[in-house]
């Protein structure tokens, strides 16, 4: 079965960079959250961190799908 799309090497490098950037931001926020005093701000930062994880999971699923279909 042929894939509807194909990731290029450049696409994979872009995805790798995106994952690296979201991981770096997640790490930074994990540290900063320990310094936050306001519970409402802490809640919002946790929401952002969960969103970053979802972004990484989506990017990885695209790569996995391409590998399996390629």
PDB file of N, CA and C in Angstrom:
ATOM      1  N   UNK A   1       0.838  -1.191   0.000  1.00  0.00           N
ATOM      2  CA  UNK A   1       0.000   0.000   0.000  1.00  0.00           C
ATOM      3  C   UNK A   1       0.880   1.251   0.000  1.00  0.00           C
ATOM      4  N   UNK A   2       0.673   2.122  -0.943  1.00  0.00           N
ATOM      5  CA  UNK A   2       1.472   3.323  -1.071  1.00  0.00           C
ATOM      6  C   UNK A   2       0.922   4.416  -0.160  1.00  0.00           C
ATOM      7  N   UNK A   3       1.835   5.134   0.458  1.00  0.00           N
ATOM      8  CA  UNK A   3       1.474   6.224   1.359  1.00  0.00           C
ATOM      9  C   UNK A   3       0.921   7.400   0.557  1.00  0.00           C
ATOM     10  N   UNK A   4       0.017   8.162   1.171  1.00  0.00           N
ATOM     11  CA  UNK A   4      -0.524   9.355   0.535  1.00  0.00           C
ATOM     12  C   UNK A   4       0.510  10.477   0.483  1.00  0.00           C
ATOM     13  N   UNK A   5       1.505  10.401   1.320  1.00  0.00           N
ATOM     14  CA  UNK A   5       2.556  11.405   1.360  1.00  0.00           C
ATOM     15  C   UNK A   5       3.860  10.724   1.741  1.00  0.00           C
ATOM     16  N   UNK A   6       4.934  11.422   1.512  1.00  0.00           N
ATOM     17  CA  UNK A   6       6.237  10.861   1.839  1.00  0.00           C
ATOM     18  C   UNK A   6       7.074  11.940   2.502  1.00  0.00           C
ATOM     19  N   UNK A   7       7.653  11.614   3.616  1.00  0.00           N
ATOM     20  CA  UNK A   7       8.524  12.555   4.297  1.00  0.00           C
ATOM     21  C   UNK A   7       9.905  12.520   3.663  1.00  0.00           C
ATOM     22  N   UNK A   8      10.454  13.692   3.418  1.00  0.00           N
ATOM     23  CA  UNK A   8      11.803  13.794   2.874  1.00  0.00           C
ATOM     24  C   UNK A   8      12.801  13.856   4.020  1.00  0.00           C
ATOM     25  N   UNK A   9      14.067  13.756   3.684  1.00  0.00           N
ATOM     26  CA  UNK A   9      15.106  13.907   4.703  1.00  0.00           C
ATOM     27  C   UNK A   9      15.018  15.259   5.389  1.00  0.00           C
ATOM     28  N   UNK A  10      14.706  16.286   4.604  1.00  0.00           N
ATOM     29  CA  UNK A  10      14.554  17.637   5.161  1.00  0.00           C
ATOM     30  C   UNK A  10      13.382  17.689   6.141  1.00  0.00           C
ATOM     31  N   UNK A  11      12.284  17.012   5.788  1.00  0.00           N
ATOM     32  CA  UNK A  11      11.129  16.949   6.692  1.00  0.00           C
ATOM     33  C   UNK A  11      11.515  16.302   8.016  1.00  0.00           C
ATOM     34  N   UNK A  12      12.265  15.206   7.921  1.00  0.00           N
ATOM     35  CA  UNK A  12      12.672  14.499   9.131  1.00  0.00           C
ATOM     36  C   UNK A  12      13.581  15.353  10.002  1.00  0.00           C
ATOM     37  N   UNK A  13      14.483  16.112   9.380  1.00  0.00           N
ATOM     38  CA  UNK A  13      15.340  17.016  10.147  1.00  0.00           C
ATOM     39  C   UNK A  13      14.517  18.099  10.834  1.00  0.00           C
ATOM     40  N   UNK A  14      13.502  18.609  10.117  1.00  0.00           N
ATOM     41  CA  UNK A  14      12.614  19.619  10.697  1.00  0.00           C
ATOM     42  C   UNK A  14      11.858  19.045  11.893  1.00  0.00           C
ATOM     43  N   UNK A  15      11.339  17.835  11.735  1.00  0.00           N
ATOM     44  CA  UNK A  15      10.614  17.193  12.831  1.00  0.00           C
ATOM     45  C   UNK A  15      11.541  16.942  14.010  1.00  0.00           C
ATOM     46  N   UNK A  16      12.752  16.487  13.731  1.00  0.00           N
ATOM     47  CA  UNK A  16      13.725  16.263  14.804  1.00  0.00           C
ATOM     48  C   UNK A  16      14.010  17.563  15.553  1.00  0.00           C
ATOM     49  N   UNK A  17      14.149  18.660  14.817  1.00  0.00           N
ATOM     50  CA  UNK A  17      14.389  19.952  15.441  1.00  0.00           C
ATOM     51  C   UNK A  17      13.195  20.389  16.283  1.00  0.00           C
ATOM     52  N   UNK A  18      11.985  20.195  15.763  1.00  0.00           N
ATOM     53  CA  UNK A  18      10.772  20.550  16.512  1.00  0.00           C
ATOM     54  C   UNK A  18      10.686  19.772  17.821  1.00  0.00           C
ATOM     55  N   UNK A  19      10.967  18.483  17.743  1.00  0.00           N
ATOM     56  CA  UNK A  19      10.924  17.656  18.948  1.00  0.00           C
ATOM     57  C   UNK A  19      11.987  18.121  19.940  1.00  0.00           C
ATOM     58  N   UNK A  20      13.161  18.439  19.444  1.00  0.00           N
ATOM     59  CA  UNK A  20      14.223  18.940  20.325  1.00  0.00           C
ATOM     60  C   UNK A  20      13.837  20.247  20.998  1.00  0.00           C
ATOM     61  N   UNK A  21      13.217  21.148  20.237  1.00  0.00           N
ATOM     62  CA  UNK A  21      12.808  22.438  20.798  1.00  0.00           C
ATOM     63  C   UNK A  21      11.689  22.278  21.829  1.00  0.00           C
ATOM     64  N   UNK A  22      10.703  21.442  21.527  1.00  0.00           N
ATOM     65  CA  UNK A  22       9.618  21.257  22.494  1.00  0.00           C
ATOM     66  C   UNK A  22      10.129  20.534  23.741  1.00  0.00           C
ATOM     67  N   UNK A  23      11.082  19.627  23.562  1.00  0.00           N
ATOM     68  CA  UNK A  23      11.674  18.941  24.710  1.00  0.00           C
ATOM     69  C   UNK A  23      12.453  19.928  25.579  1.00  0.00           C
ATOM     70  N   UNK A  24      13.214  20.816  24.951  1.00  0.00           N
ATOM     71  CA  UNK A  24      13.971  21.822  25.703  1.00  0.00           C
ATOM     72  C   UNK A  24      13.027  22.750  26.462  1.00  0.00           C
ATOM     73  N   UNK A  25      11.946  23.155  25.815  1.00  0.00           N
ATOM     74  CA  UNK A  25      10.972  24.021  26.482  1.00  0.00           C
ATOM     75  C   UNK A  25      10.296  23.291  27.635  1.00  0.00           C
ATOM     76  N   UNK A  26       9.958  22.032  27.431  1.00  0.00           N
ATOM     77  CA  UNK A  26       9.331  21.227  28.483  1.00  0.00           C
ATOM     78  C   UNK A  26      10.279  21.105  29.686  1.00  0.00           C
ATOM     79  N   UNK A  27      11.555  20.868  29.429  1.00  0.00           N
ATOM     80  CA  UNK A  27      12.547  20.762  30.500  1.00  0.00           C
ATOM     81  C   UNK A  27      12.652  22.074  31.262  1.00  0.00           C
ATOM     82  N   UNK A  28      12.687  23.171  30.526  1.00  0.00           N
ATOM     83  CA  UNK A  28      12.781  24.493  31.159  1.00  0.00           C
ATOM     84  C   UNK A  28      11.542  24.777  32.015  1.00  0.00           C
ATOM     85  N   UNK A  29      10.366  24.482  31.461  1.00  0.00           N
ATOM     86  CA  UNK A  29       9.132  24.714  32.202  1.00  0.00           C
ATOM     87  C   UNK A  29       9.049  23.815  33.435  1.00  0.00           C
ATOM     88  N   UNK A  30       9.565  22.602  33.332  1.00  0.00           N
ATOM     89  CA  UNK A  30       9.572  21.693  34.483  1.00  0.00           C
ATOM     90  C   UNK A  30      10.361  22.298  35.637  1.00  0.00           C
ATOM     91  N   UNK A  31      11.453  22.959  35.297  1.00  0.00           N
ATOM     92  CA  UNK A  31      12.250  23.630  36.337  1.00  0.00           C
ATOM     93  C   UNK A  31      11.517  24.861  36.862  1.00  0.00           C
ATOM     94  N   UNK A  32      11.015  25.670  35.963  1.00  0.00           N
ATOM     95  CA  UNK A  32      10.361  26.926  36.353  1.00  0.00           C
ATOM     96  C   UNK A  32       9.111  26.692  37.188  1.00  0.00           C
ATOM     97  N   UNK A  33       8.416  25.599  36.937  1.00  0.00           N
ATOM     98  CA  UNK A  33       7.163  25.346  37.651  1.00  0.00           C
ATOM     99  C   UNK A  33       7.406  25.207  39.156  1.00  0.00           C
ATOM    100  N   UNK A  34       8.589  24.738  39.531  1.00  0.00           N
ATOM    101  CA  UNK A  34       8.902  24.608  40.954  1.00  0.00           C
ATOM    102  C   UNK A  34       9.058  25.973  41.623  1.00  0.00           C
ATOM    103  N   UNK A  35       9.259  27.005  40.828  1.00  0.00           N
ATOM    104  CA  UNK A  35       9.444  28.359  41.367  1.00  0.00           C
ATOM    105  C   UNK A  35       8.159  29.187  41.394  1.00  0.00           C
ATOM    106  N   UNK A  36       7.122  28.688  40.750  1.00  0.00           N
ATOM    107  CA  UNK A  36       5.872  29.442  40.626  1.00  0.00           C
ATOM    108  C   UNK A  36       5.120  29.423  41.956  1.00  0.00           C
ATOM    109  N   UNK A  37       4.673  30.593  42.357  1.00  0.00           N
ATOM    110  CA  UNK A  37       3.938  30.741  43.614  1.00  0.00           C
ATOM    111  C   UNK A  37       2.419  30.681  43.407  1.00  0.00           C
ATOM    112  N   UNK A  38       1.958  31.212  42.289  1.00  0.00           N
ATOM    113  CA  UNK A  38       0.523  31.293  42.020  1.00  0.00           C
ATOM    114  C   UNK A  38      -0.004  29.981  41.463  1.00  0.00           C
ATOM    115  N   UNK A  39      -1.009  29.428  42.096  1.00  0.00           N
ATOM    116  CA  UNK A  39      -1.586  28.150  41.657  1.00  0.00           C
ATOM    117  C   UNK A  39      -2.210  28.239  40.268  1.00  0.00           C
ATOM    118  N   UNK A  40      -2.818  29.362  39.948  1.00  0.00           N
ATOM    119  CA  UNK A  40      -3.449  29.523  38.637  1.00  0.00           C
ATOM    120  C   UNK A  40      -2.395  29.531  37.526  1.00  0.00           C
ATOM    121  N   UNK A  41      -1.279  30.188  37.782  1.00  0.00           N
ATOM    122  CA  UNK A  41      -0.185  30.208  36.801  1.00  0.00           C
ATOM    123  C   UNK A  41       0.400  28.807  36.665  1.00  0.00           C
ATOM    124  N   UNK A  42       0.568  28.122  37.773  1.00  0.00           N
ATOM    125  CA  UNK A  42       1.089  26.756  37.757  1.00  0.00           C
ATOM    126  C   UNK A  42       0.177  25.846  36.924  1.00  0.00           C
ATOM    127  N   UNK A  43      -1.125  26.028  37.091  1.00  0.00           N
ATOM    128  CA  UNK A  43      -2.090  25.232  36.327  1.00  0.00           C
ATOM    129  C   UNK A  43      -1.940  25.488  34.833  1.00  0.00           C
ATOM    130  N   UNK A  44      -1.768  26.739  34.433  1.00  0.00           N
ATOM    131  CA  UNK A  44      -1.616  27.088  33.019  1.00  0.00           C
ATOM    132  C   UNK A  44      -0.311  26.519  32.451  1.00  0.00           C
ATOM    133  N   UNK A  45       0.756  26.580  33.229  1.00  0.00           N
ATOM    134  CA  UNK A  45       2.038  26.034  32.771  1.00  0.00           C
ATOM    135  C   UNK A  45       1.922  24.520  32.600  1.00  0.00           C
ATOM    136  N   UNK A  46       1.232  23.855  33.498  1.00  0.00           N
ATOM    137  CA  UNK A  46       1.010  22.412  33.363  1.00  0.00           C
ATOM    138  C   UNK A  46       0.228  22.100  32.091  1.00  0.00           C
ATOM    139  N   UNK A  47      -0.747  22.930  31.763  1.00  0.00           N
ATOM    140  CA  UNK A  47      -1.512  22.749  30.536  1.00  0.00           C
ATOM    141  C   UNK A  47      -0.600  22.894  29.313  1.00  0.00           C
ATOM    142  N   UNK A  48       0.274  23.885  29.340  1.00  0.00           N
ATOM    143  CA  UNK A  48       1.222  24.085  28.243  1.00  0.00           C
ATOM    144  C   UNK A  48       2.146  22.875  28.114  1.00  0.00           C
ATOM    145  N   UNK A  49       2.617  22.353  29.240  1.00  0.00           N
ATOM    146  CA  UNK A  49       3.516  21.203  29.219  1.00  0.00           C
ATOM    147  C   UNK A  49       2.815  19.979  28.624  1.00  0.00           C
ATOM    148  N   UNK A  50       1.554  19.783  28.964  1.00  0.00           N
ATOM    149  CA  UNK A  50       0.797  18.667  28.394  1.00  0.00           C
ATOM    150  C   UNK A  50       0.632  18.843  26.883  1.00  0.00           C
ATOM    151  N   UNK A  51       0.439  20.070  26.444  1.00  0.00           N
ATOM    152  CA  UNK A  51       0.317  20.351  25.018  1.00  0.00           C
ATOM    153  C   UNK A  51       1.624  20.034  24.295  1.00  0.00           C
ATOM    154  N   UNK A  52       2.757  20.372  24.905  1.00  0.00           N
ATOM    155  CA  UNK A  52       4.050  20.059  24.307  1.00  0.00           C
ATOM    156  C   UNK A  52       4.229  18.558  24.132  1.00  0.00           C
ATOM    157  N   UNK A  53       3.798  17.793  25.119  1.00  0.00           N
ATOM    158  CA  UNK A  53       3.889  16.329  25.025  1.00  0.00           C
ATOM    159  C   UNK A  53       3.024  15.834  23.870  1.00  0.00           C
ATOM    160  N   UNK A  54       1.825  16.388  23.732  1.00  0.00           N
ATOM    161  CA  UNK A  54       0.938  15.988  22.634  1.00  0.00           C
ATOM    162  C   UNK A  54       1.544  16.314  21.277  1.00  0.00           C
ATOM    163  N   UNK A  55       2.204  17.460  21.169  1.00  0.00           N
ATOM    164  CA  UNK A  55       2.853  17.838  19.918  1.00  0.00           C
ATOM    165  C   UNK A  55       3.939  16.823  19.567  1.00  0.00           C
ATOM    166  N   UNK A  56       4.780  16.494  20.548  1.00  0.00           N
ATOM    167  CA  UNK A  56       5.836  15.506  20.316  1.00  0.00           C
ATOM    168  C   UNK A  56       5.251  14.150  19.925  1.00  0.00           C
ATOM    169  N   UNK A  57       4.203  13.737  20.605  1.00  0.00           N
ATOM    170  CA  UNK A  57       3.573  12.454  20.278  1.00  0.00           C
ATOM    171  C   UNK A  57       3.030  12.459  18.850  1.00  0.00           C
ATOM    172  N   UNK A  58       2.438  13.565  18.433  1.00  0.00           N
ATOM    173  CA  UNK A  58       1.889  13.669  17.078  1.00  0.00           C
ATOM    174  C   UNK A  58       3.003  13.620  16.034  1.00  0.00           C
ATOM    175  N   UNK A  59       4.077  14.339  16.287  1.00  0.00           N
ATOM    176  CA  UNK A  59       5.195  14.324  15.358  1.00  0.00           C
ATOM    177  C   UNK A  59       5.787  12.917  15.244  1.00  0.00           C
ATOM    178  N   UNK A  60       5.948  12.256  16.374  1.00  0.00           N
ATOM    179  CA  UNK A  60       6.487  10.896  16.352  1.00  0.00           C
ATOM    180  C   UNK A  60       5.548   9.932  15.640  1.00  0.00           C
ATOM    181  N   UNK A  61       4.252  10.114  15.819  1.00  0.00           N
ATOM    182  CA  UNK A  61       3.304   9.219  15.141  1.00  0.00           C
ATOM    183  C   UNK A  61       3.352   9.415  13.623  1.00  0.00           C
ATOM    184  N   UNK A  62       3.569  10.632  13.180  1.00  0.00           N
ATOM    185  CA  UNK A  62       3.708  10.882  11.744  1.00  0.00           C
ATOM    186  C   UNK A  62       4.933  10.165  11.188  1.00  0.00           C
ATOM    187  N   UNK A  63       6.033  10.232  11.917  1.00  0.00           N
ATOM    188  CA  UNK A  63       7.250   9.556  11.479  1.00  0.00           C
ATOM    189  C   UNK A  63       7.044   8.041  11.478  1.00  0.00           C
ATOM    190  N   UNK A  64       6.443   7.518  12.532  1.00  0.00           N
ATOM    191  CA  UNK A  64       6.189   6.076  12.604  1.00  0.00           C
ATOM    192  C   UNK A  64       5.278   5.618  11.464  1.00  0.00           C
ATOM    193  N   UNK A  65       4.264   6.398  11.168  1.00  0.00           N
ATOM    194  CA  UNK A  65       3.352   6.051  10.088  1.00  0.00           C
ATOM    195  C   UNK A  65       4.096   6.019   8.758  1.00  0.00           C
ATOM    196  N   UNK A  66       4.958   6.979   8.553  1.00  0.00           N
ATOM    197  CA  UNK A  66       5.731   7.041   7.315  1.00  0.00           C
ATOM    198  C   UNK A  66       6.678   5.851   7.204  1.00  0.00           C
ATOM    199  N   UNK A  67       7.299   5.482   8.305  1.00  0.00           N
ATOM    200  CA  UNK A  67       8.221   4.348   8.305  1.00  0.00           C
ATOM    201  C   UNK A  67       7.473   3.066   7.959  1.00  0.00           C
ATOM    202  N   UNK A  68       6.298   2.888   8.541  1.00  0.00           N
ATOM    203  CA  UNK A  68       5.514   1.660   8.307  1.00  0.00           C
ATOM    204  C   UNK A  68       4.916   1.619   6.903  1.00  0.00           C
ATOM    205  N   UNK A  69       4.579   2.779   6.357  1.00  0.00           N
ATOM    206  CA  UNK A  69       3.958   2.829   5.023  1.00  0.00           C
ATOM    207  C   UNK A  69       4.985   2.957   3.903  1.00  0.00           C
ATOM    208  N   UNK A  70       6.191   3.403   4.263  1.00  0.00           N
ATOM    209  CA  UNK A  70       7.223   3.656   3.245  1.00  0.00           C
ATOM    210  C   UNK A  70       7.801   2.415   2.743  1.00  0.00           C
TER     211      UNK A  70
END
